[in-house]
Amino acid sequence: MLSRRLLLAAAAVAGLALAGCSKGGASGPAEGDMSMGDPNAPVKMVEYASMSCSHCAQFNNEVFPAFKTKYIDTGKVHYTLKEFLTPPEQVATAGFLLARCAGEDKYFSVVDAIFHNQAEMFQTGDATGVRTVLLRIAQSAGLTEEQFNACLTDEEEIKALDARVTRAVREDKITGTPTFVINGKQIASGEVTLAQLEAAVAEAQK
C-alpha cells in the first residue's frame, strides 16, 4: 500500500491542484524545477504535467520524442517540467517522489518510464498494483525496495513537492495539465500536436 503519510500529503494539495483546462499565467524555471537542453537557448518551453494525467502521458509518449530531437537536442529550446498533481493525486505524488529519488541524472528517464507504464497502473485499479509498477521502475533505476519505501515517505521531498504545486496554482494560475508555455506565453492546455508546438516555436524565434 502507498503510505498513509503520502496519501495525506497528496490530499493536502488536491484542493489546490484541480484537473481541467483553463488559461493561466506562468513563470520560468524556479528553484527545484527540472530542465533539459541548453539554458541559453533562445526559446524557453515550460510544461506543467502530472504523472497521473493521461494527456500528459500521450504527449510524452507520442509527441515529445520528436520535439526533443528537433529542438531540445539541437540547442534551440530549453525545456522545463513543472510538477503538478491531478487525480488520483496519490499516484502523481508517488511518481514525482520516485523520479526525484532516482537522482537528477535519471529524473527524466524515470518520468518517461512512468508515463509509458501509466495505463498499466490504471488498469490494476488499486494501490497495490500501482506500487508494483512503481517499484519495478524504481528497481530499474537502481533503487532497492527499502530505498523506494523511504522515498515515498520522505517528509522533506513531500513538502518541497507541495511547495512547487502550490506555486503553480497560486502564482502561475495553472489549473490543468498538460499546460504549455513558450517564452512566457501560454500556447496550449490539454492535447497538443507537434505541428502546434513547431508553430509556437517559430513565432517565438521571430
C-alpha atoms as a PDB file:
ATOM      1  CA  MET A   1       0.000   0.000   0.000  1.00  0.00           C
ATOM      2  CA  LEU A   2       1.072   3.567  -0.584  1.00  0.00           C
ATOM      3  CA  SER A   3       1.897   5.172   2.723  1.00  0.00           C
ATOM      4  CA  ARG A   4      -0.790   6.957   4.754  1.00  0.00           C
ATOM      5  CA  ARG A   5       1.553   9.933   5.052  1.00  0.00           C
ATOM      6  CA  LEU A   6       1.815  10.096   1.265  1.00  0.00           C
ATOM      7  CA  LEU A   7      -1.954   9.951   0.897  1.00  0.00           C
ATOM      8  CA  LEU A   8      -2.365  12.775   3.391  1.00  0.00           C
ATOM      9  CA  ALA A   9       0.267  14.851   1.632  1.00  0.00           C
ATOM     10  CA  ALA A  10      -1.472  14.344  -1.682  1.00  0.00           C
ATOM     11  CA  ALA A  11      -4.822  15.231  -0.168  1.00  0.00           C
ATOM     12  CA  ALA A  12      -3.382  18.446   1.253  1.00  0.00           C
ATOM     13  CA  VAL A  13      -2.605  19.762  -2.224  1.00  0.00           C
ATOM     14  CA  ALA A  14      -5.549  18.147  -4.006  1.00  0.00           C
ATOM     15  CA  GLY A  15      -7.751  21.126  -3.256  1.00  0.00           C
ATOM     16  CA  LEU A  16      -5.267  23.404  -4.957  1.00  0.00           C
ATOM     17  CA  ALA A  17      -4.477  21.272  -7.987  1.00  0.00           C
ATOM     18  CA  LEU A  18      -7.704  20.848  -9.909  1.00  0.00           C
ATOM     19  CA  ALA A  19      -7.860  18.860 -13.129  1.00  0.00           C
ATOM     20  CA  GLY A  20      -9.121  20.608 -16.228  1.00  0.00           C
ATOM     21  CA  CYS A  21      -8.127  23.174 -18.781  1.00  0.00           C
ATOM     22  CA  SER A  22      -8.110  26.915 -18.291  1.00  0.00           C
ATOM     23  CA  LYS A  23      -5.929  29.892 -19.022  1.00  0.00           C
ATOM     24  CA  GLY A  24      -3.269  30.985 -16.598  1.00  0.00           C
ATOM     25  CA  GLY A  25      -0.044  32.845 -16.289  1.00  0.00           C
ATOM     26  CA  ALA A  26       3.286  31.139 -15.921  1.00  0.00           C
ATOM     27  CA  SER A  27       6.742  31.737 -14.604  1.00  0.00           C
ATOM     28  CA  GLY A  28      10.052  30.478 -15.938  1.00  0.00           C
ATOM     29  CA  PRO A  29      12.175  27.833 -14.214  1.00  0.00           C
ATOM     30  CA  ALA A  30      12.088  28.199 -10.430  1.00  0.00           C
ATOM     31  CA  GLU A  31      14.022  26.549  -7.630  1.00  0.00           C
ATOM     32  CA  GLY A  32      13.530  22.808  -7.745  1.00  0.00           C
ATOM     33  CA  ASP A  33      12.210  22.624 -11.309  1.00  0.00           C
ATOM     34  CA  MET A  34      13.851  20.083 -13.614  1.00  0.00           C
ATOM     35  CA  SER A  35      15.086  21.133 -17.040  1.00  0.00           C
ATOM     36  CA  MET A  36      16.863  19.787 -20.087  1.00  0.00           C
ATOM     37  CA  GLY A  37      18.657  21.391 -23.004  1.00  0.00           C
ATOM     38  CA  ASP A  38      20.792  24.496 -23.364  1.00  0.00           C
ATOM     39  CA  PRO A  39      19.810  27.076 -20.716  1.00  0.00           C
ATOM     40  CA  ASN A  40      20.965  29.757 -23.157  1.00  0.00           C
ATOM     41  CA  ALA A  41      18.595  28.586 -25.901  1.00  0.00           C
ATOM     42  CA  PRO A  42      16.562  31.462 -27.387  1.00  0.00           C
ATOM     43  CA  VAL A  43      13.274  29.670 -26.785  1.00  0.00           C
ATOM     44  CA  LYS A  44      12.171  28.563 -23.320  1.00  0.00           C
ATOM     45  CA  MET A  45       9.392  25.989 -23.080  1.00  0.00           C
ATOM     46  CA  VAL A  46       7.647  25.089 -19.836  1.00  0.00           C
ATOM     47  CA  GLU A  47       5.298  22.157 -19.435  1.00  0.00           C
ATOM     48  CA  TYR A  48       3.082  21.731 -16.377  1.00  0.00           C
ATOM     49  CA  ALA A  49       2.491  17.982 -16.140  1.00  0.00           C
ATOM     50  CA  SER A  50       1.073  15.381 -13.784  1.00  0.00           C
ATOM     51  CA  MET A  51       2.173  11.761 -13.606  1.00  0.00           C
ATOM     52  CA  SER A  52      -1.484  10.683 -13.407  1.00  0.00           C
ATOM     53  CA  CYS A  53      -2.614  12.772 -16.397  1.00  0.00           C
ATOM     54  CA  SER A  54      -3.430  10.639 -19.439  1.00  0.00           C
ATOM     55  CA  HIS A  55      -2.993  13.562 -21.852  1.00  0.00           C
ATOM     56  CA  CYS A  56       0.450  14.190 -20.349  1.00  0.00           C
ATOM     57  CA  ALA A  57       1.352  10.561 -20.977  1.00  0.00           C
ATOM     58  CA  GLN A  58       0.114  10.799 -24.542  1.00  0.00           C
ATOM     59  CA  PHE A  59       2.242  13.887 -25.144  1.00  0.00           C
ATOM     60  CA  ASN A  60       5.297  12.277 -23.551  1.00  0.00           C
ATOM     61  CA  ASN A  61       4.931   9.053 -25.485  1.00  0.00           C
ATOM     62  CA  GLU A  62       3.799  10.298 -28.889  1.00  0.00           C
ATOM     63  CA  VAL A  63       4.866  13.935 -29.369  1.00  0.00           C
ATOM     64  CA  PHE A  64       7.748  14.782 -27.048  1.00  0.00           C
ATOM     65  CA  PRO A  65      10.381  12.407 -28.543  1.00  0.00           C
ATOM     66  CA  ALA A  66      10.248  14.118 -31.943  1.00  0.00           C
ATOM     67  CA  PHE A  67      10.098  17.583 -30.359  1.00  0.00           C
ATOM     68  CA  LYS A  68      13.110  16.790 -28.165  1.00  0.00           C
ATOM     69  CA  THR A  69      15.150  15.538 -31.123  1.00  0.00           C
ATOM     70  CA  LYS A  70      14.342  18.546 -33.305  1.00  0.00           C
ATOM     71  CA  TYR A  71      14.514  21.352 -30.768  1.00  0.00           C
ATOM     72  CA  ILE A  72      15.967  20.426 -27.368  1.00  0.00           C
ATOM     73  CA  ASP A  73      18.838  18.227 -28.506  1.00  0.00           C
ATOM     74  CA  THR A  74      19.854  20.830 -31.105  1.00  0.00           C
ATOM     75  CA  GLY A  75      20.030  23.678 -28.589  1.00  0.00           C
ATOM     76  CA  LYS A  76      17.064  25.589 -29.991  1.00  0.00           C
ATOM     77  CA  VAL A  77      14.763  25.094 -26.992  1.00  0.00           C
ATOM     78  CA  HIS A  78      15.352  24.878 -23.255  1.00  0.00           C
ATOM     79  CA  TYR A  79      12.654  22.693 -21.679  1.00  0.00           C
ATOM     80  CA  THR A  80      11.415  22.789 -18.078  1.00  0.00           C
ATOM     81  CA  LEU A  81       8.970  20.396 -16.448  1.00  0.00           C
ATOM     82  CA  LYS A  82       6.868  21.882 -13.655  1.00  0.00           C
ATOM     83  CA  GLU A  83       5.271  19.258 -11.426  1.00  0.00           C
ATOM     84  CA  PHE A  84       1.516  19.327 -10.889  1.00  0.00           C
ATOM     85  CA  LEU A  85      -1.000  16.931  -9.344  1.00  0.00           C
ATOM     86  CA  THR A  86      -4.226  15.667 -10.874  1.00  0.00           C
ATOM     87  CA  PRO A  87      -6.475  12.778  -9.694  1.00  0.00           C
ATOM     88  CA  PRO A  88      -5.558  10.298  -8.447  1.00  0.00           C
ATOM     89  CA  GLU A  89      -3.213  12.664  -6.636  1.00  0.00           C
ATOM     90  CA  GLN A  90      -1.503   9.913  -4.645  1.00  0.00           C
ATOM     91  CA  VAL A  91      -0.300   8.302  -7.884  1.00  0.00           C
ATOM     92  CA  ALA A  92       1.036  11.586  -9.249  1.00  0.00           C
ATOM     93  CA  THR A  93       2.736  12.314  -5.925  1.00  0.00           C
ATOM     94  CA  ALA A  94       4.370   8.906  -5.741  1.00  0.00           C
ATOM     95  CA  GLY A  95       5.579   9.195  -9.324  1.00  0.00           C
ATOM     96  CA  PHE A  96       7.283  12.527  -8.789  1.00  0.00           C
ATOM     97  CA  LEU A  97       8.803  11.432  -5.473  1.00  0.00           C
ATOM     98  CA  LEU A  98      10.245   8.380  -7.198  1.00  0.00           C
ATOM     99  CA  ALA A  99      11.688  10.424 -10.056  1.00  0.00           C
ATOM    100  CA  ARG A 100      13.355  12.748  -7.554  1.00  0.00           C
ATOM    101  CA  CYS A 101      14.810   9.842  -5.575  1.00  0.00           C
ATOM    102  CA  ALA A 102      16.348   8.337  -8.699  1.00  0.00           C
ATOM    103  CA  GLY A 103      18.610  11.374  -8.956  1.00  0.00           C
ATOM    104  CA  GLU A 104      18.845  14.377 -11.248  1.00  0.00           C
ATOM    105  CA  ASP A 105      20.585  12.394 -13.980  1.00  0.00           C
ATOM    106  CA  LYS A 106      17.787   9.799 -14.046  1.00  0.00           C
ATOM    107  CA  TYR A 107      14.823  12.080 -13.330  1.00  0.00           C
ATOM    108  CA  PHE A 108      13.549  12.374 -16.877  1.00  0.00           C
ATOM    109  CA  SER A 109      14.125   8.705 -17.705  1.00  0.00           C
ATOM    110  CA  VAL A 110      12.006   7.725 -14.681  1.00  0.00           C
ATOM    111  CA  VAL A 111       9.294  10.220 -15.651  1.00  0.00           C
ATOM    112  CA  ASP A 112       9.316   8.688 -19.139  1.00  0.00           C
ATOM    113  CA  ALA A 113       9.082   5.158 -17.731  1.00  0.00           C
ATOM    114  CA  ILE A 114       6.130   6.089 -15.518  1.00  0.00           C
ATOM    115  CA  PHE A 115       4.265   7.685 -18.412  1.00  0.00           C
ATOM    116  CA  HIS A 116       4.869   4.607 -20.554  1.00  0.00           C
ATOM    117  CA  ASN A 117       3.526   2.384 -17.763  1.00  0.00           C
ATOM    118  CA  GLN A 118       0.681   4.685 -16.731  1.00  0.00           C
ATOM    119  CA  ALA A 119      -2.005   2.642 -18.478  1.00  0.00           C
ATOM    120  CA  GLU A 120      -0.859  -0.498 -16.665  1.00  0.00           C
ATOM    121  CA  MET A 121      -1.059   1.300 -13.318  1.00  0.00           C
ATOM    122  CA  PHE A 122      -4.592   2.454 -14.019  1.00  0.00           C
ATOM    123  CA  GLN A 123      -5.670  -0.988 -15.189  1.00  0.00           C
ATOM    124  CA  THR A 124      -4.712  -2.504 -11.841  1.00  0.00           C
ATOM    125  CA  GLY A 125      -7.309  -0.346 -10.134  1.00  0.00           C
ATOM    126  CA  ASP A 126      -5.738  -0.470  -6.664  1.00  0.00           C
ATOM    127  CA  ALA A 127      -2.816   0.920  -4.679  1.00  0.00           C
ATOM    128  CA  THR A 128      -1.048  -2.446  -4.572  1.00  0.00           C
ATOM    129  CA  GLY A 129      -0.952  -2.616  -8.351  1.00  0.00           C
ATOM    130  CA  VAL A 130       0.331   0.950  -8.597  1.00  0.00           C
ATOM    131  CA  ARG A 131       3.029   0.177  -6.066  1.00  0.00           C
ATOM    132  CA  THR A 132       4.097  -2.925  -8.023  1.00  0.00           C
ATOM    133  CA  VAL A 133       4.585  -0.930 -11.214  1.00  0.00           C
ATOM    134  CA  LEU A 134       6.403   1.926  -9.480  1.00  0.00           C
ATOM    135  CA  LEU A 135       8.660  -0.470  -7.562  1.00  0.00           C
ATOM    136  CA  ARG A 136       9.605  -2.171 -10.822  1.00  0.00           C
ATOM    137  CA  ILE A 137      10.544   1.206 -12.311  1.00  0.00           C
ATOM    138  CA  ALA A 138      12.463   2.126  -9.156  1.00  0.00           C
ATOM    139  CA  GLN A 139      14.488  -1.071  -9.294  1.00  0.00           C
ATOM    140  CA  SER A 140      15.230  -0.478 -12.985  1.00  0.00           C
ATOM    141  CA  ALA A 141      16.632   2.901 -11.945  1.00  0.00           C
ATOM    142  CA  GLY A 142      18.923   1.225  -9.412  1.00  0.00           C
ATOM    143  CA  LEU A 143      16.883   1.709  -6.227  1.00  0.00           C
ATOM    144  CA  THR A 144      16.271  -1.056  -3.703  1.00  0.00           C
ATOM    145  CA  GLU A 145      12.809  -1.714  -2.277  1.00  0.00           C
ATOM    146  CA  GLU A 146      13.975  -0.205   1.013  1.00  0.00           C
ATOM    147  CA  GLN A 147      15.090   2.960  -0.771  1.00  0.00           C
ATOM    148  CA  PHE A 148      11.798   3.033  -2.671  1.00  0.00           C
ATOM    149  CA  ASN A 149       9.792   2.839   0.547  1.00  0.00           C
ATOM    150  CA  ALA A 150      11.883   5.572   2.129  1.00  0.00           C
ATOM    151  CA  CYS A 151      11.427   7.695  -0.976  1.00  0.00           C
ATOM    152  CA  LEU A 152       7.641   7.682  -0.693  1.00  0.00           C
ATOM    153  CA  THR A 153       7.734   8.807   2.935  1.00  0.00           C
ATOM    154  CA  ASP A 154      10.436  11.475   2.660  1.00  0.00           C
ATOM    155  CA  GLU A 155       8.853  14.405   4.504  1.00  0.00           C
ATOM    156  CA  GLU A 156      11.240  16.994   3.063  1.00  0.00           C
ATOM    157  CA  GLU A 157      10.589  15.895  -0.508  1.00  0.00           C
ATOM    158  CA  ILE A 158       6.832  15.825   0.113  1.00  0.00           C
ATOM    159  CA  LYS A 159       6.969  19.374   1.471  1.00  0.00           C
ATOM    160  CA  ALA A 160       9.072  20.500  -1.499  1.00  0.00           C
ATOM    161  CA  LEU A 161       6.608  18.972  -3.969  1.00  0.00           C
ATOM    162  CA  ASP A 162       3.734  20.617  -2.110  1.00  0.00           C
ATOM    163  CA  ALA A 163       5.508  23.978  -2.419  1.00  0.00           C
ATOM    164  CA  ARG A 164       6.074  23.554  -6.165  1.00  0.00           C
ATOM    165  CA  VAL A 165       2.450  22.618  -6.824  1.00  0.00           C
ATOM    166  CA  THR A 166       1.176  25.429  -4.615  1.00  0.00           C
ATOM    167  CA  ARG A 167       3.360  27.887  -6.532  1.00  0.00           C
ATOM    168  CA  ALA A 168       1.981  26.642  -9.851  1.00  0.00           C
ATOM    169  CA  VAL A 169      -1.589  27.147  -8.646  1.00  0.00           C
ATOM    170  CA  ARG A 170      -1.292  30.384  -6.705  1.00  0.00           C
ATOM    171  CA  GLU A 171       1.366  32.259  -8.661  1.00  0.00           C
ATOM    172  CA  ASP A 172       1.105  30.814 -12.172  1.00  0.00           C
ATOM    173  CA  LYS A 173      -2.692  30.297 -12.040  1.00  0.00           C
ATOM    174  CA  ILE A 174      -2.415  26.850 -13.596  1.00  0.00           C
ATOM    175  CA  THR A 175      -5.494  24.646 -13.239  1.00  0.00           C
ATOM    176  CA  GLY A 176      -4.934  21.773 -15.654  1.00  0.00           C
ATOM    177  CA  THR A 177      -2.392  19.560 -17.373  1.00  0.00           C
ATOM    178  CA  PRO A 178      -0.654  19.466 -19.654  1.00  0.00           C
ATOM    179  CA  THR A 179      -0.222  23.232 -19.971  1.00  0.00           C
ATOM    180  CA  PHE A 180       2.471  24.531 -22.315  1.00  0.00           C
ATOM    181  CA  VAL A 181       4.166  27.910 -22.106  1.00  0.00           C
ATOM    182  CA  ILE A 182       6.727  29.218 -24.603  1.00  0.00           C
ATOM    183  CA  ASN A 183       8.733  32.319 -23.783  1.00  0.00           C
ATOM    184  CA  GLY A 184       6.214  33.263 -21.107  1.00  0.00           C
ATOM    185  CA  LYS A 185       3.151  32.856 -23.324  1.00  0.00           C
ATOM    186  CA  GLN A 186       0.669  30.032 -22.734  1.00  0.00           C
ATOM    187  CA  ILE A 187       0.166  28.349 -26.082  1.00  0.00           C
ATOM    188  CA  ALA A 188      -1.948  25.332 -25.177  1.00  0.00           C
ATOM    189  CA  SER A 189      -3.675  23.456 -22.389  1.00  0.00           C
ATOM    190  CA  GLY A 190      -4.657  19.861 -22.995  1.00  0.00           C
ATOM    191  CA  GLU A 191      -3.673  17.819 -26.027  1.00  0.00           C
ATOM    192  CA  VAL A 192      -1.140  19.456 -28.313  1.00  0.00           C
ATOM    193  CA  THR A 193       0.349  18.331 -31.612  1.00  0.00           C
ATOM    194  CA  LEU A 194       3.910  18.592 -32.835  1.00  0.00           C
ATOM    195  CA  ALA A 195       2.695  20.984 -35.541  1.00  0.00           C
ATOM    196  CA  GLN A 196       1.226  23.317 -32.901  1.00  0.00           C
ATOM    197  CA  LEU A 197       4.485  23.359 -30.967  1.00  0.00           C
ATOM    198  CA  GLU A 198       6.513  23.936 -34.122  1.00  0.00           C
ATOM    199  CA  ALA A 199       4.339  26.927 -34.982  1.00  0.00           C
ATOM    200  CA  ALA A 200       4.702  28.324 -31.472  1.00  0.00           C
ATOM    201  CA  VAL A 201       8.481  27.917 -31.532  1.00  0.00           C
ATOM    202  CA  ALA A 202       8.679  29.585 -34.941  1.00  0.00           C
ATOM    203  CA  GLU A 203       6.650  32.510 -33.625  1.00  0.00           C
ATOM    204  CA  ALA A 204       8.891  32.798 -30.551  1.00  0.00           C
ATOM    205  CA  GLN A 205      12.004  32.832 -32.737  1.00  0.00           C
ATOM    206  CA  LYS A 206      10.868  35.896 -34.676  1.00  0.00           C
END
